[in-house]
Amino acid sequence: SCVDSEINRKDFFVIDKEEYTNKLEG
């Protein structure tokens, strides 16, 4: 939790894995 709190989420693209699975099926 400490590590996660230190991460600046603006530095990352966030990709939902469930949505990505549907995209790969597509």
mmCIF file of all heavy atoms, coordinates in Angstrom:
data_MODEL
# 
_entry.id   MODEL 
# 
loop_
_atom_site.group_PDB 
_atom_site.id 
_atom_site.type_symbol 
_atom_site.label_atom_id 
_atom_site.label_alt_id 
_atom_site.label_comp_id 
_atom_site.label_asym_id 
_atom_site.label_entity_id 
_atom_site.label_seq_id 
_atom_site.pdbx_PDB_ins_code 
_atom_site.Cartn_x 
_atom_site.Cartn_y 
_atom_site.Cartn_z 
_atom_site.occupancy 
_atom_site.B_iso_or_equiv 
_atom_site.pdbx_formal_charge 
_atom_site.auth_seq_id 
_atom_site.auth_comp_id 
_atom_site.auth_asym_id 
_atom_site.auth_atom_id 
_atom_site.pdbx_PDB_model_num 
ATOM 1   N N   . SER A 1 1  ? 0.820   -1.207  0.000   1.00 0.00 ? 1  SER A N   1 
ATOM 2   C CA  . SER A 1 1  ? 0.000   0.000   0.000   1.00 0.00 ? 1  SER A CA  1 
ATOM 3   C C   . SER A 1 1  ? 0.853   1.255   0.000   1.00 0.00 ? 1  SER A C   1 
ATOM 4   O O   . SER A 1 1  ? 0.512   2.261   -0.630  1.00 0.00 ? 1  SER A O   1 
ATOM 5   C CB  . SER A 1 1  ? -0.953  0.000   1.193   1.00 0.00 ? 1  SER A CB  1 
ATOM 6   O OG  . SER A 1 1  ? -0.226  0.106   2.410   1.00 0.00 ? 1  SER A OG  1 
ATOM 7   N N   . CYS A 1 2  ? 1.995   1.189   0.700   1.00 0.00 ? 2  CYS A N   1 
ATOM 8   C CA  . CYS A 1 2  ? 2.899   2.332   0.714   1.00 0.00 ? 2  CYS A CA  1 
ATOM 9   C C   . CYS A 1 2  ? 3.506   2.582   -0.652  1.00 0.00 ? 2  CYS A C   1 
ATOM 10  O O   . CYS A 1 2  ? 3.597   3.719   -1.110  1.00 0.00 ? 2  CYS A O   1 
ATOM 11  C CB  . CYS A 1 2  ? 4.024   2.106   1.740   1.00 0.00 ? 2  CYS A CB  1 
ATOM 12  S SG  . CYS A 1 2  ? 3.474   2.191   3.460   1.00 0.00 ? 2  CYS A SG  1 
ATOM 13  N N   . VAL A 1 3  ? 3.932   1.472   -1.301  1.00 0.00 ? 3  VAL A N   1 
ATOM 14  C CA  . VAL A 1 3  ? 4.488   1.595   -2.627  1.00 0.00 ? 3  VAL A CA  1 
ATOM 15  C C   . VAL A 1 3  ? 3.469   2.186   -3.594  1.00 0.00 ? 3  VAL A C   1 
ATOM 16  O O   . VAL A 1 3  ? 3.759   3.101   -4.365  1.00 0.00 ? 3  VAL A O   1 
ATOM 17  C CB  . VAL A 1 3  ? 4.981   0.221   -3.155  1.00 0.00 ? 3  VAL A CB  1 
ATOM 18  C CG1 . VAL A 1 3  ? 5.336   0.328   -4.637  1.00 0.00 ? 3  VAL A CG1 1 
ATOM 19  C CG2 . VAL A 1 3  ? 6.182   -0.249  -2.367  1.00 0.00 ? 3  VAL A CG2 1 
ATOM 20  N N   . ASP A 1 4  ? 2.235   1.660   -3.507  1.00 0.00 ? 4  ASP A N   1 
ATOM 21  C CA  . ASP A 1 4  ? 1.181   2.136   -4.394  1.00 0.00 ? 4  ASP A CA  1 
ATOM 22  C C   . ASP A 1 4  ? 0.904   3.619   -4.169  1.00 0.00 ? 4  ASP A C   1 
ATOM 23  O O   . ASP A 1 4  ? 0.640   4.371   -5.115  1.00 0.00 ? 4  ASP A O   1 
ATOM 24  C CB  . ASP A 1 4  ? -0.098  1.315   -4.178  1.00 0.00 ? 4  ASP A CB  1 
ATOM 25  C CG  . ASP A 1 4  ? -1.145  1.585   -5.230  1.00 0.00 ? 4  ASP A CG  1 
ATOM 26  O OD1 . ASP A 1 4  ? -0.888  1.314   -6.398  1.00 0.00 ? 4  ASP A OD1 1 
ATOM 27  O OD2 . ASP A 1 4  ? -2.224  2.063   -4.864  1.00 0.00 ? 4  ASP A OD2 1 
ATOM 28  N N   . SER A 1 5  ? 0.948   4.050   -2.891  1.00 0.00 ? 5  SER A N   1 
ATOM 29  C CA  . SER A 1 5  ? 0.685   5.447   -2.599  1.00 0.00 ? 5  SER A CA  1 
ATOM 30  C C   . SER A 1 5  ? 1.781   6.361   -3.111  1.00 0.00 ? 5  SER A C   1 
ATOM 31  O O   . SER A 1 5  ? 1.562   7.544   -3.352  1.00 0.00 ? 5  SER A O   1 
ATOM 32  C CB  . SER A 1 5  ? 0.505   5.639   -1.087  1.00 0.00 ? 5  SER A CB  1 
ATOM 33  O OG  . SER A 1 5  ? 1.729   5.375   -0.406  1.00 0.00 ? 5  SER A OG  1 
ATOM 34  N N   . GLU A 1 6  ? 3.002   5.802   -3.284  1.00 0.00 ? 6  GLU A N   1 
ATOM 35  C CA  . GLU A 1 6  ? 4.125   6.586   -3.763  1.00 0.00 ? 6  GLU A CA  1 
ATOM 36  C C   . GLU A 1 6  ? 4.111   6.757   -5.280  1.00 0.00 ? 6  GLU A C   1 
ATOM 37  O O   . GLU A 1 6  ? 4.794   7.604   -5.841  1.00 0.00 ? 6  GLU A O   1 
ATOM 38  C CB  . GLU A 1 6  ? 5.455   5.925   -3.352  1.00 0.00 ? 6  GLU A CB  1 
ATOM 39  C CG  . GLU A 1 6  ? 5.744   5.965   -1.852  1.00 0.00 ? 6  GLU A CG  1 
ATOM 40  C CD  . GLU A 1 6  ? 5.970   7.370   -1.345  1.00 0.00 ? 6  GLU A CD  1 
ATOM 41  O OE1 . GLU A 1 6  ? 6.648   8.140   -2.043  1.00 0.00 ? 6  GLU A OE1 1 
ATOM 42  O OE2 . GLU A 1 6  ? 5.446   7.687   -0.271  1.00 0.00 ? 6  GLU A OE2 1 
ATOM 43  N N   . ILE A 1 7  ? 3.352   5.890   -5.956  1.00 0.00 ? 7  ILE A N   1 
ATOM 44  C CA  . ILE A 1 7  ? 3.320   5.932   -7.409  1.00 0.00 ? 7  ILE A CA  1 
ATOM 45  C C   . ILE A 1 7  ? 2.474   7.103   -7.890  1.00 0.00 ? 7  ILE A C   1 
ATOM 46  O O   . ILE A 1 7  ? 1.345   7.281   -7.460  1.00 0.00 ? 7  ILE A O   1 
ATOM 47  C CB  . ILE A 1 7  ? 2.764   4.607   -7.971  1.00 0.00 ? 7  ILE A CB  1 
ATOM 48  C CG1 . ILE A 1 7  ? 3.735   3.468   -7.684  1.00 0.00 ? 7  ILE A CG1 1 
ATOM 49  C CG2 . ILE A 1 7  ? 2.517   4.732   -9.474  1.00 0.00 ? 7  ILE A CG2 1 
ATOM 50  C CD1 . ILE A 1 7  ? 3.208   2.112   -8.068  1.00 0.00 ? 7  ILE A CD1 1 
ATOM 51  N N   . ASN A 1 8  ? 3.054   7.921   -8.721  1.00 0.00 ? 8  ASN A N   1 
ATOM 52  C CA  . ASN A 1 8  ? 2.311   9.007   -9.346  1.00 0.00 ? 8  ASN A CA  1 
ATOM 53  C C   . ASN A 1 8  ? 1.565   8.443   -10.545 1.00 0.00 ? 8  ASN A C   1 
ATOM 54  O O   . ASN A 1 8  ? 2.156   8.124   -11.567 1.00 0.00 ? 8  ASN A O   1 
ATOM 55  C CB  . ASN A 1 8  ? 3.253   10.117  -9.775  1.00 0.00 ? 8  ASN A CB  1 
ATOM 56  C CG  . ASN A 1 8  ? 2.503   11.338  -10.306 1.00 0.00 ? 8  ASN A CG  1 
ATOM 57  O OD1 . ASN A 1 8  ? 1.292   11.297  -10.551 1.00 0.00 ? 8  ASN A OD1 1 
ATOM 58  N ND2 . ASN A 1 8  ? 3.240   12.428  -10.487 1.00 0.00 ? 8  ASN A ND2 1 
ATOM 59  N N   . ARG A 1 9  ? 0.268   8.313   -10.394 1.00 0.00 ? 9  ARG A N   1 
ATOM 60  C CA  . ARG A 1 9  ? -0.514  7.666   -11.436 1.00 0.00 ? 9  ARG A CA  1 
ATOM 61  C C   . ARG A 1 9  ? -0.529  8.455   -12.735 1.00 0.00 ? 9  ARG A C   1 
ATOM 62  O O   . ARG A 1 9  ? -0.872  7.915   -13.782 1.00 0.00 ? 9  ARG A O   1 
ATOM 63  C CB  . ARG A 1 9  ? -1.926  7.394   -10.940 1.00 0.00 ? 9  ARG A CB  1 
ATOM 64  C CG  . ARG A 1 9  ? -1.933  6.457   -9.726  1.00 0.00 ? 9  ARG A CG  1 
ATOM 65  C CD  . ARG A 1 9  ? -3.261  5.877   -9.440  1.00 0.00 ? 9  ARG A CD  1 
ATOM 66  N NE  . ARG A 1 9  ? -3.172  4.868   -8.384  1.00 0.00 ? 9  ARG A NE  1 
ATOM 67  C CZ  . ARG A 1 9  ? -4.062  3.906   -8.207  1.00 0.00 ? 9  ARG A CZ  1 
ATOM 68  N NH1 . ARG A 1 9  ? -5.096  3.808   -9.001  1.00 0.00 ? 9  ARG A NH1 1 
ATOM 69  N NH2 . ARG A 1 9  ? -3.917  3.031   -7.222  1.00 0.00 ? 9  ARG A NH2 1 
ATOM 70  N N   . LYS A 1 10 ? -0.176  9.727   -12.688 1.00 0.00 ? 10 LYS A N   1 
ATOM 71  C CA  . LYS A 1 10 ? -0.074  10.509  -13.900 1.00 0.00 ? 10 LYS A CA  1 
ATOM 72  C C   . LYS A 1 10 ? 1.068   10.038  -14.793 1.00 0.00 ? 10 LYS A C   1 
ATOM 73  O O   . LYS A 1 10 ? 1.124   10.392  -15.969 1.00 0.00 ? 10 LYS A O   1 
ATOM 74  C CB  . LYS A 1 10 ? 0.101   11.984  -13.558 1.00 0.00 ? 10 LYS A CB  1 
ATOM 75  C CG  . LYS A 1 10 ? -1.120  12.618  -12.903 1.00 0.00 ? 10 LYS A CG  1 
ATOM 76  C CD  . LYS A 1 10 ? -0.901  14.093  -12.631 1.00 0.00 ? 10 LYS A CD  1 
ATOM 77  C CE  . LYS A 1 10 ? -2.126  14.728  -11.988 1.00 0.00 ? 10 LYS A CE  1 
ATOM 78  N NZ  . LYS A 1 10 ? -1.898  16.178  -11.688 1.00 0.00 ? 10 LYS A NZ  1 
ATOM 79  N N   . ASP A 1 11 ? 1.977   9.272   -14.228 1.00 0.00 ? 11 ASP A N   1 
ATOM 80  C CA  . ASP A 1 11 ? 3.110   8.749   -14.987 1.00 0.00 ? 11 ASP A CA  1 
ATOM 81  C C   . ASP A 1 11 ? 2.765   7.483   -15.758 1.00 0.00 ? 11 ASP A C   1 
ATOM 82  O O   . ASP A 1 11 ? 3.621   6.937   -16.455 1.00 0.00 ? 11 ASP A O   1 
ATOM 83  C CB  . ASP A 1 11 ? 4.290   8.460   -14.052 1.00 0.00 ? 11 ASP A CB  1 
ATOM 84  C CG  . ASP A 1 11 ? 4.877   9.727   -13.445 1.00 0.00 ? 11 ASP A CG  1 
ATOM 85  O OD1 . ASP A 1 11 ? 4.720   10.807  -14.043 1.00 0.00 ? 11 ASP A OD1 1 
ATOM 86  O OD2 . ASP A 1 11 ? 5.493   9.628   -12.364 1.00 0.00 ? 11 ASP A OD2 1 
ATOM 87  N N   . PHE A 1 12 ? 1.521   7.014   -15.626 1.00 0.00 ? 12 PHE A N   1 
ATOM 88  C CA  . PHE A 1 12 ? 1.151   5.732   -16.198 1.00 0.00 ? 12 PHE A CA  1 
ATOM 89  C C   . PHE A 1 12 ? -0.117  5.812   -17.040 1.00 0.00 ? 12 PHE A C   1 
ATOM 90  O O   . PHE A 1 12 ? -1.011  6.613   -16.777 1.00 0.00 ? 12 PHE A O   1 
ATOM 91  C CB  . PHE A 1 12 ? 0.911   4.688   -15.088 1.00 0.00 ? 12 PHE A CB  1 
ATOM 92  C CG  . PHE A 1 12 ? 2.144   4.317   -14.312 1.00 0.00 ? 12 PHE A CG  1 
ATOM 93  C CD1 . PHE A 1 12 ? 2.547   5.073   -13.225 1.00 0.00 ? 12 PHE A CD1 1 
ATOM 94  C CD2 . PHE A 1 12 ? 2.902   3.221   -14.672 1.00 0.00 ? 12 PHE A CD2 1 
ATOM 95  C CE1 . PHE A 1 12 ? 3.679   4.734   -12.503 1.00 0.00 ? 12 PHE A CE1 1 
ATOM 96  C CE2 . PHE A 1 12 ? 4.030   2.882   -13.962 1.00 0.00 ? 12 PHE A CE2 1 
ATOM 97  C CZ  . PHE A 1 12 ? 4.421   3.634   -12.876 1.00 0.00 ? 12 PHE A CZ  1 
ATOM 98  N N   . PHE A 1 13 ? -0.169  4.986   -18.076 1.00 0.00 ? 13 PHE A N   1 
ATOM 99  C CA  . PHE A 1 13 ? -1.421  4.633   -18.712 1.00 0.00 ? 13 PHE A CA  1 
ATOM 100 C C   . PHE A 1 13 ? -2.029  3.482   -17.922 1.00 0.00 ? 13 PHE A C   1 
ATOM 101 O O   . PHE A 1 13 ? -1.324  2.543   -17.568 1.00 0.00 ? 13 PHE A O   1 
ATOM 102 C CB  . PHE A 1 13 ? -1.203  4.165   -20.157 1.00 0.00 ? 13 PHE A CB  1 
ATOM 103 C CG  . PHE A 1 13 ? -0.994  5.264   -21.153 1.00 0.00 ? 13 PHE A CG  1 
ATOM 104 C CD1 . PHE A 1 13 ? 0.280   5.670   -21.491 1.00 0.00 ? 13 PHE A CD1 1 
ATOM 105 C CD2 . PHE A 1 13 ? -2.076  5.875   -21.760 1.00 0.00 ? 13 PHE A CD2 1 
ATOM 106 C CE1 . PHE A 1 13 ? 0.481   6.676   -22.427 1.00 0.00 ? 13 PHE A CE1 1 
ATOM 107 C CE2 . PHE A 1 13 ? -1.883  6.887   -22.692 1.00 0.00 ? 13 PHE A CE2 1 
ATOM 108 C CZ  . PHE A 1 13 ? -0.608  7.284   -23.027 1.00 0.00 ? 13 PHE A CZ  1 
ATOM 109 N N   . VAL A 1 14 ? -3.307  3.566   -17.668 1.00 0.00 ? 14 VAL A N   1 
ATOM 110 C CA  . VAL A 1 14 ? -3.989  2.484   -16.960 1.00 0.00 ? 14 VAL A CA  1 
ATOM 111 C C   . VAL A 1 14 ? -4.888  1.750   -17.949 1.00 0.00 ? 14 VAL A C   1 
ATOM 112 O O   . VAL A 1 14 ? -5.725  2.353   -18.615 1.00 0.00 ? 14 VAL A O   1 
ATOM 113 C CB  . VAL A 1 14 ? -4.825  3.017   -15.780 1.00 0.00 ? 14 VAL A CB  1 
ATOM 114 C CG1 . VAL A 1 14 ? -5.470  1.850   -15.027 1.00 0.00 ? 14 VAL A CG1 1 
ATOM 115 C CG2 . VAL A 1 14 ? -3.960  3.849   -14.844 1.00 0.00 ? 14 VAL A CG2 1 
ATOM 116 N N   . ILE A 1 15 ? -4.722  0.437   -18.050 1.00 0.00 ? 15 ILE A N   1 
ATOM 117 C CA  . ILE A 1 15 ? -5.506  -0.380  -18.976 1.00 0.00 ? 15 ILE A CA  1 
ATOM 118 C C   . ILE A 1 15 ? -6.239  -1.456  -18.193 1.00 0.00 ? 15 ILE A C   1 
ATOM 119 O O   . ILE A 1 15 ? -5.621  -2.237  -17.457 1.00 0.00 ? 15 ILE A O   1 
ATOM 120 C CB  . ILE A 1 15 ? -4.613  -1.037  -20.045 1.00 0.00 ? 15 ILE A CB  1 
ATOM 121 C CG1 . ILE A 1 15 ? -3.942  0.027   -20.905 1.00 0.00 ? 15 ILE A CG1 1 
ATOM 122 C CG2 . ILE A 1 15 ? -5.441  -1.978  -20.917 1.00 0.00 ? 15 ILE A CG2 1 
ATOM 123 C CD1 . ILE A 1 15 ? -3.017  -0.547  -21.972 1.00 0.00 ? 15 ILE A CD1 1 
ATOM 124 N N   . ASP A 1 16 ? -7.539  -1.481  -18.337 1.00 0.00 ? 16 ASP A N   1 
ATOM 125 C CA  . ASP A 1 16 ? -8.370  -2.496  -17.694 1.00 0.00 ? 16 ASP A CA  1 
ATOM 126 C C   . ASP A 1 16 ? -8.197  -3.833  -18.412 1.00 0.00 ? 16 ASP A C   1 
ATOM 127 O O   . ASP A 1 16 ? -8.429  -3.935  -19.618 1.00 0.00 ? 16 ASP A O   1 
ATOM 128 C CB  . ASP A 1 16 ? -9.834  -2.065  -17.716 1.00 0.00 ? 16 ASP A CB  1 
ATOM 129 C CG  . ASP A 1 16 ? -10.740 -3.041  -17.003 1.00 0.00 ? 16 ASP A CG  1 
ATOM 130 O OD1 . ASP A 1 16 ? -10.924 -2.875  -15.781 1.00 0.00 ? 16 ASP A OD1 1 
ATOM 131 O OD2 . ASP A 1 16 ? -11.245 -3.975  -17.647 1.00 0.00 ? 16 ASP A OD2 1 
ATOM 132 N N   . LYS A 1 17 ? -7.803  -4.860  -17.676 1.00 0.00 ? 17 LYS A N   1 
ATOM 133 C CA  . LYS A 1 17 ? -7.488  -6.151  -18.291 1.00 0.00 ? 17 LYS A CA  1 
ATOM 134 C C   . LYS A 1 17 ? -8.729  -6.847  -18.847 1.00 0.00 ? 17 LYS A C   1 
ATOM 135 O O   . LYS A 1 17 ? -8.674  -7.506  -19.874 1.00 0.00 ? 17 LYS A O   1 
ATOM 136 C CB  . LYS A 1 17 ? -6.767  -7.054  -17.288 1.00 0.00 ? 17 LYS A CB  1 
ATOM 137 C CG  . LYS A 1 17 ? -5.365  -6.566  -16.940 1.00 0.00 ? 17 LYS A CG  1 
ATOM 138 C CD  . LYS A 1 17 ? -4.752  -7.358  -15.800 1.00 0.00 ? 17 LYS A CD  1 
ATOM 139 C CE  . LYS A 1 17 ? -4.480  -8.790  -16.180 1.00 0.00 ? 17 LYS A CE  1 
ATOM 140 N NZ  . LYS A 1 17 ? -3.747  -9.519  -15.090 1.00 0.00 ? 17 LYS A NZ  1 
ATOM 141 N N   . GLU A 1 18 ? -9.866  -6.704  -18.162 1.00 0.00 ? 18 GLU A N   1 
ATOM 142 C CA  . GLU A 1 18 ? -11.090 -7.336  -18.651 1.00 0.00 ? 18 GLU A CA  1 
ATOM 143 C C   . GLU A 1 18 ? -11.521 -6.721  -19.979 1.00 0.00 ? 18 GLU A C   1 
ATOM 144 O O   . GLU A 1 18 ? -11.899 -7.442  -20.917 1.00 0.00 ? 18 GLU A O   1 
ATOM 145 C CB  . GLU A 1 18 ? -12.213 -7.205  -17.619 1.00 0.00 ? 18 GLU A CB  1 
ATOM 146 C CG  . GLU A 1 18 ? -13.497 -7.929  -18.020 1.00 0.00 ? 18 GLU A CG  1 
ATOM 147 C CD  . GLU A 1 18 ? -14.556 -7.883  -16.941 1.00 0.00 ? 18 GLU A CD  1 
ATOM 148 O OE1 . GLU A 1 18 ? -14.255 -7.428  -15.806 1.00 0.00 ? 18 GLU A OE1 1 
ATOM 149 O OE2 . GLU A 1 18 ? -15.712 -8.307  -17.224 1.00 0.00 ? 18 GLU A OE2 1 
ATOM 150 N N   . GLU A 1 19 ? -11.450 -5.398  -20.061 1.00 0.00 ? 19 GLU A N   1 
ATOM 151 C CA  . GLU A 1 19 ? -11.781 -4.726  -21.313 1.00 0.00 ? 19 GLU A CA  1 
ATOM 152 C C   . GLU A 1 19 ? -10.805 -5.119  -22.414 1.00 0.00 ? 19 GLU A C   1 
ATOM 153 O O   . GLU A 1 19 ? -11.194 -5.312  -23.563 1.00 0.00 ? 19 GLU A O   1 
ATOM 154 C CB  . GLU A 1 19 ? -11.770 -3.207  -21.121 1.00 0.00 ? 19 GLU A CB  1 
ATOM 155 C CG  . GLU A 1 19 ? -12.133 -2.423  -22.379 1.00 0.00 ? 19 GLU A CG  1 
ATOM 156 C CD  . GLU A 1 19 ? -12.058 -0.922  -22.199 1.00 0.00 ? 19 GLU A CD  1 
ATOM 157 O OE1 . GLU A 1 19 ? -11.698 -0.468  -21.098 1.00 0.00 ? 19 GLU A OE1 1 
ATOM 158 O OE2 . GLU A 1 19 ? -12.335 -0.187  -23.174 1.00 0.00 ? 19 GLU A OE2 1 
ATOM 159 N N   . TYR A 1 20 ? -9.533  -5.234  -22.059 1.00 0.00 ? 20 TYR A N   1 
ATOM 160 C CA  . TYR A 1 20 ? -8.520  -5.605  -23.042 1.00 0.00 ? 20 TYR A CA  1 
ATOM 161 C C   . TYR A 1 20 ? -8.751  -7.013  -23.565 1.00 0.00 ? 20 TYR A C   1 
ATOM 162 O O   . TYR A 1 20 ? -8.491  -7.296  -24.735 1.00 0.00 ? 20 TYR A O   1 
ATOM 163 C CB  . TYR A 1 20 ? -7.117  -5.486  -22.441 1.00 0.00 ? 20 TYR A CB  1 
ATOM 164 C CG  . TYR A 1 20 ? -6.029  -5.259  -23.476 1.00 0.00 ? 20 TYR A CG  1 
ATOM 165 C CD1 . TYR A 1 20 ? -5.696  -3.977  -23.877 1.00 0.00 ? 20 TYR A CD1 1 
ATOM 166 C CD2 . TYR A 1 20 ? -5.342  -6.320  -24.052 1.00 0.00 ? 20 TYR A CD2 1 
ATOM 167 C CE1 . TYR A 1 20 ? -4.709  -3.740  -24.825 1.00 0.00 ? 20 TYR A CE1 1 
ATOM 168 C CE2 . TYR A 1 20 ? -4.352  -6.104  -25.004 1.00 0.00 ? 20 TYR A CE2 1 
ATOM 169 C CZ  . TYR A 1 20 ? -4.043  -4.819  -25.392 1.00 0.00 ? 20 TYR A CZ  1 
ATOM 170 O OH  . TYR A 1 20 ? -3.054  -4.599  -26.345 1.00 0.00 ? 20 TYR A OH  1 
ATOM 171 N N   . THR A 1 21 ? -9.235  -7.904  -22.713 1.00 0.00 ? 21 THR A N   1 
ATOM 172 C CA  . THR A 1 21 ? -9.549  -9.262  -23.153 1.00 0.00 ? 21 THR A CA  1 
ATOM 173 C C   . THR A 1 21 ? -10.622 -9.236  -24.236 1.00 0.00 ? 21 THR A C   1 
ATOM 174 O O   . THR A 1 21 ? -10.515 -9.929  -25.252 1.00 0.00 ? 21 THR A O   1 
ATOM 175 C CB  . THR A 1 21 ? -10.018 -10.122 -21.968 1.00 0.00 ? 21 THR A CB  1 
ATOM 176 O OG1 . THR A 1 21 ? -9.024  -10.126 -20.946 1.00 0.00 ? 21 THR A OG1 1 
ATOM 177 C CG2 . THR A 1 21 ? -10.273 -11.560 -22.411 1.00 0.00 ? 21 THR A CG2 1 
ATOM 178 N N   . ASN A 1 22 ? -11.668 -8.426  -24.021 1.00 0.00 ? 22 ASN A N   1 
ATOM 179 C CA  . ASN A 1 22 ? -12.716 -8.285  -25.032 1.00 0.00 ? 22 ASN A CA  1 
ATOM 180 C C   . ASN A 1 22 ? -12.166 -7.688  -26.324 1.00 0.00 ? 22 ASN A C   1 
ATOM 181 O O   . ASN A 1 22 ? -12.565 -8.070  -27.428 1.00 0.00 ? 22 ASN A O   1 
ATOM 182 C CB  . ASN A 1 22 ? -13.864 -7.423  -24.503 1.00 0.00 ? 22 ASN A CB  1 
ATOM 183 C CG  . ASN A 1 22 ? -15.067 -7.381  -25.437 1.00 0.00 ? 22 ASN A CG  1 
ATOM 184 O OD1 . ASN A 1 22 ? -15.211 -6.471  -26.244 1.00 0.00 ? 22 ASN A OD1 1 
ATOM 185 N ND2 . ASN A 1 22 ? -15.921 -8.370  -25.329 1.00 0.00 ? 22 ASN A ND2 1 
ATOM 186 N N   . LYS A 1 23 ? -11.202 -6.779  -26.197 1.00 0.00 ? 23 LYS A N   1 
ATOM 187 C CA  . LYS A 1 23 ? -10.567 -6.188  -27.368 1.00 0.00 ? 23 LYS A CA  1 
ATOM 188 C C   . LYS A 1 23 ? -9.764  -7.227  -28.142 1.00 0.00 ? 23 LYS A C   1 
ATOM 189 O O   . LYS A 1 23 ? -9.793  -7.254  -29.383 1.00 0.00 ? 23 LYS A O   1 
ATOM 190 C CB  . LYS A 1 23 ? -9.674  -5.014  -26.950 1.00 0.00 ? 23 LYS A CB  1 
ATOM 191 C CG  . LYS A 1 23 ? -10.433 -3.749  -26.568 1.00 0.00 ? 23 LYS A CG  1 
ATOM 192 C CD  . LYS A 1 23 ? -9.469  -2.681  -26.093 1.00 0.00 ? 23 LYS A CD  1 
ATOM 193 C CE  . LYS A 1 23 ? -10.131 -1.343  -25.904 1.00 0.00 ? 23 LYS A CE  1 
ATOM 194 N NZ  . LYS A 1 23 ? -10.544 -0.713  -27.199 1.00 0.00 ? 23 LYS A NZ  1 
ATOM 195 N N   . LEU A 1 24 ? -9.035  -8.094  -27.429 1.00 0.00 ? 24 LEU A N   1 
ATOM 196 C CA  . LEU A 1 24 ? -8.284  -9.144  -28.113 1.00 0.00 ? 24 LEU A CA  1 
ATOM 197 C C   . LEU A 1 24 ? -9.224  -10.128 -28.803 1.00 0.00 ? 24 LEU A C   1 
ATOM 198 O O   . LEU A 1 24 ? -8.930  -10.606 -29.904 1.00 0.00 ? 24 LEU A O   1 
ATOM 199 C CB  . LEU A 1 24 ? -7.379  -9.879  -27.121 1.00 0.00 ? 24 LEU A CB  1 
ATOM 200 C CG  . LEU A 1 24 ? -6.158  -9.107  -26.615 1.00 0.00 ? 24 LEU A CG  1 
ATOM 201 C CD1 . LEU A 1 24 ? -5.386  -9.950  -25.602 1.00 0.00 ? 24 LEU A CD1 1 
ATOM 202 C CD2 . LEU A 1 24 ? -5.237  -8.692  -27.754 1.00 0.00 ? 24 LEU A CD2 1 
ATOM 203 N N   . GLU A 1 25 ? -10.339 -10.445 -28.174 1.00 0.00 ? 25 GLU A N   1 
ATOM 204 C CA  . GLU A 1 25 ? -11.342 -11.272 -28.849 1.00 0.00 ? 25 GLU A CA  1 
ATOM 205 C C   . GLU A 1 25 ? -11.839 -10.571 -30.112 1.00 0.00 ? 25 GLU A C   1 
ATOM 206 O O   . GLU A 1 25 ? -12.067 -11.210 -31.146 1.00 0.00 ? 25 GLU A O   1 
ATOM 207 C CB  . GLU A 1 25 ? -12.509 -11.569 -27.903 1.00 0.00 ? 25 GLU A CB  1 
ATOM 208 C CG  . GLU A 1 25 ? -12.186 -12.531 -26.765 1.00 0.00 ? 25 GLU A CG  1 
ATOM 209 C CD  . GLU A 1 25 ? -13.399 -12.842 -25.931 1.00 0.00 ? 25 GLU A CD  1 
ATOM 210 O OE1 . GLU A 1 25 ? -14.287 -13.556 -26.410 1.00 0.00 ? 25 GLU A OE1 1 
ATOM 211 O OE2 . GLU A 1 25 ? -13.480 -12.349 -24.788 1.00 0.00 ? 25 GLU A OE2 1 
ATOM 212 N N   . GLY A 1 26 ? -12.012 -9.260  -30.017 1.00 0.00 ? 26 GLY A N   1 
ATOM 213 C CA  . GLY A 1 26 ? -12.414 -8.480  -31.188 1.00 0.00 ? 26 GLY A CA  1 
ATOM 214 C C   . GLY A 1 26 ? -11.370 -8.520  -32.286 1.00 0.00 ? 26 GLY A C   1 
ATOM 215 O O   . GLY A 1 26 ? -11.705 -8.538  -33.476 1.00 0.00 ? 26 GLY A O   1 
# 
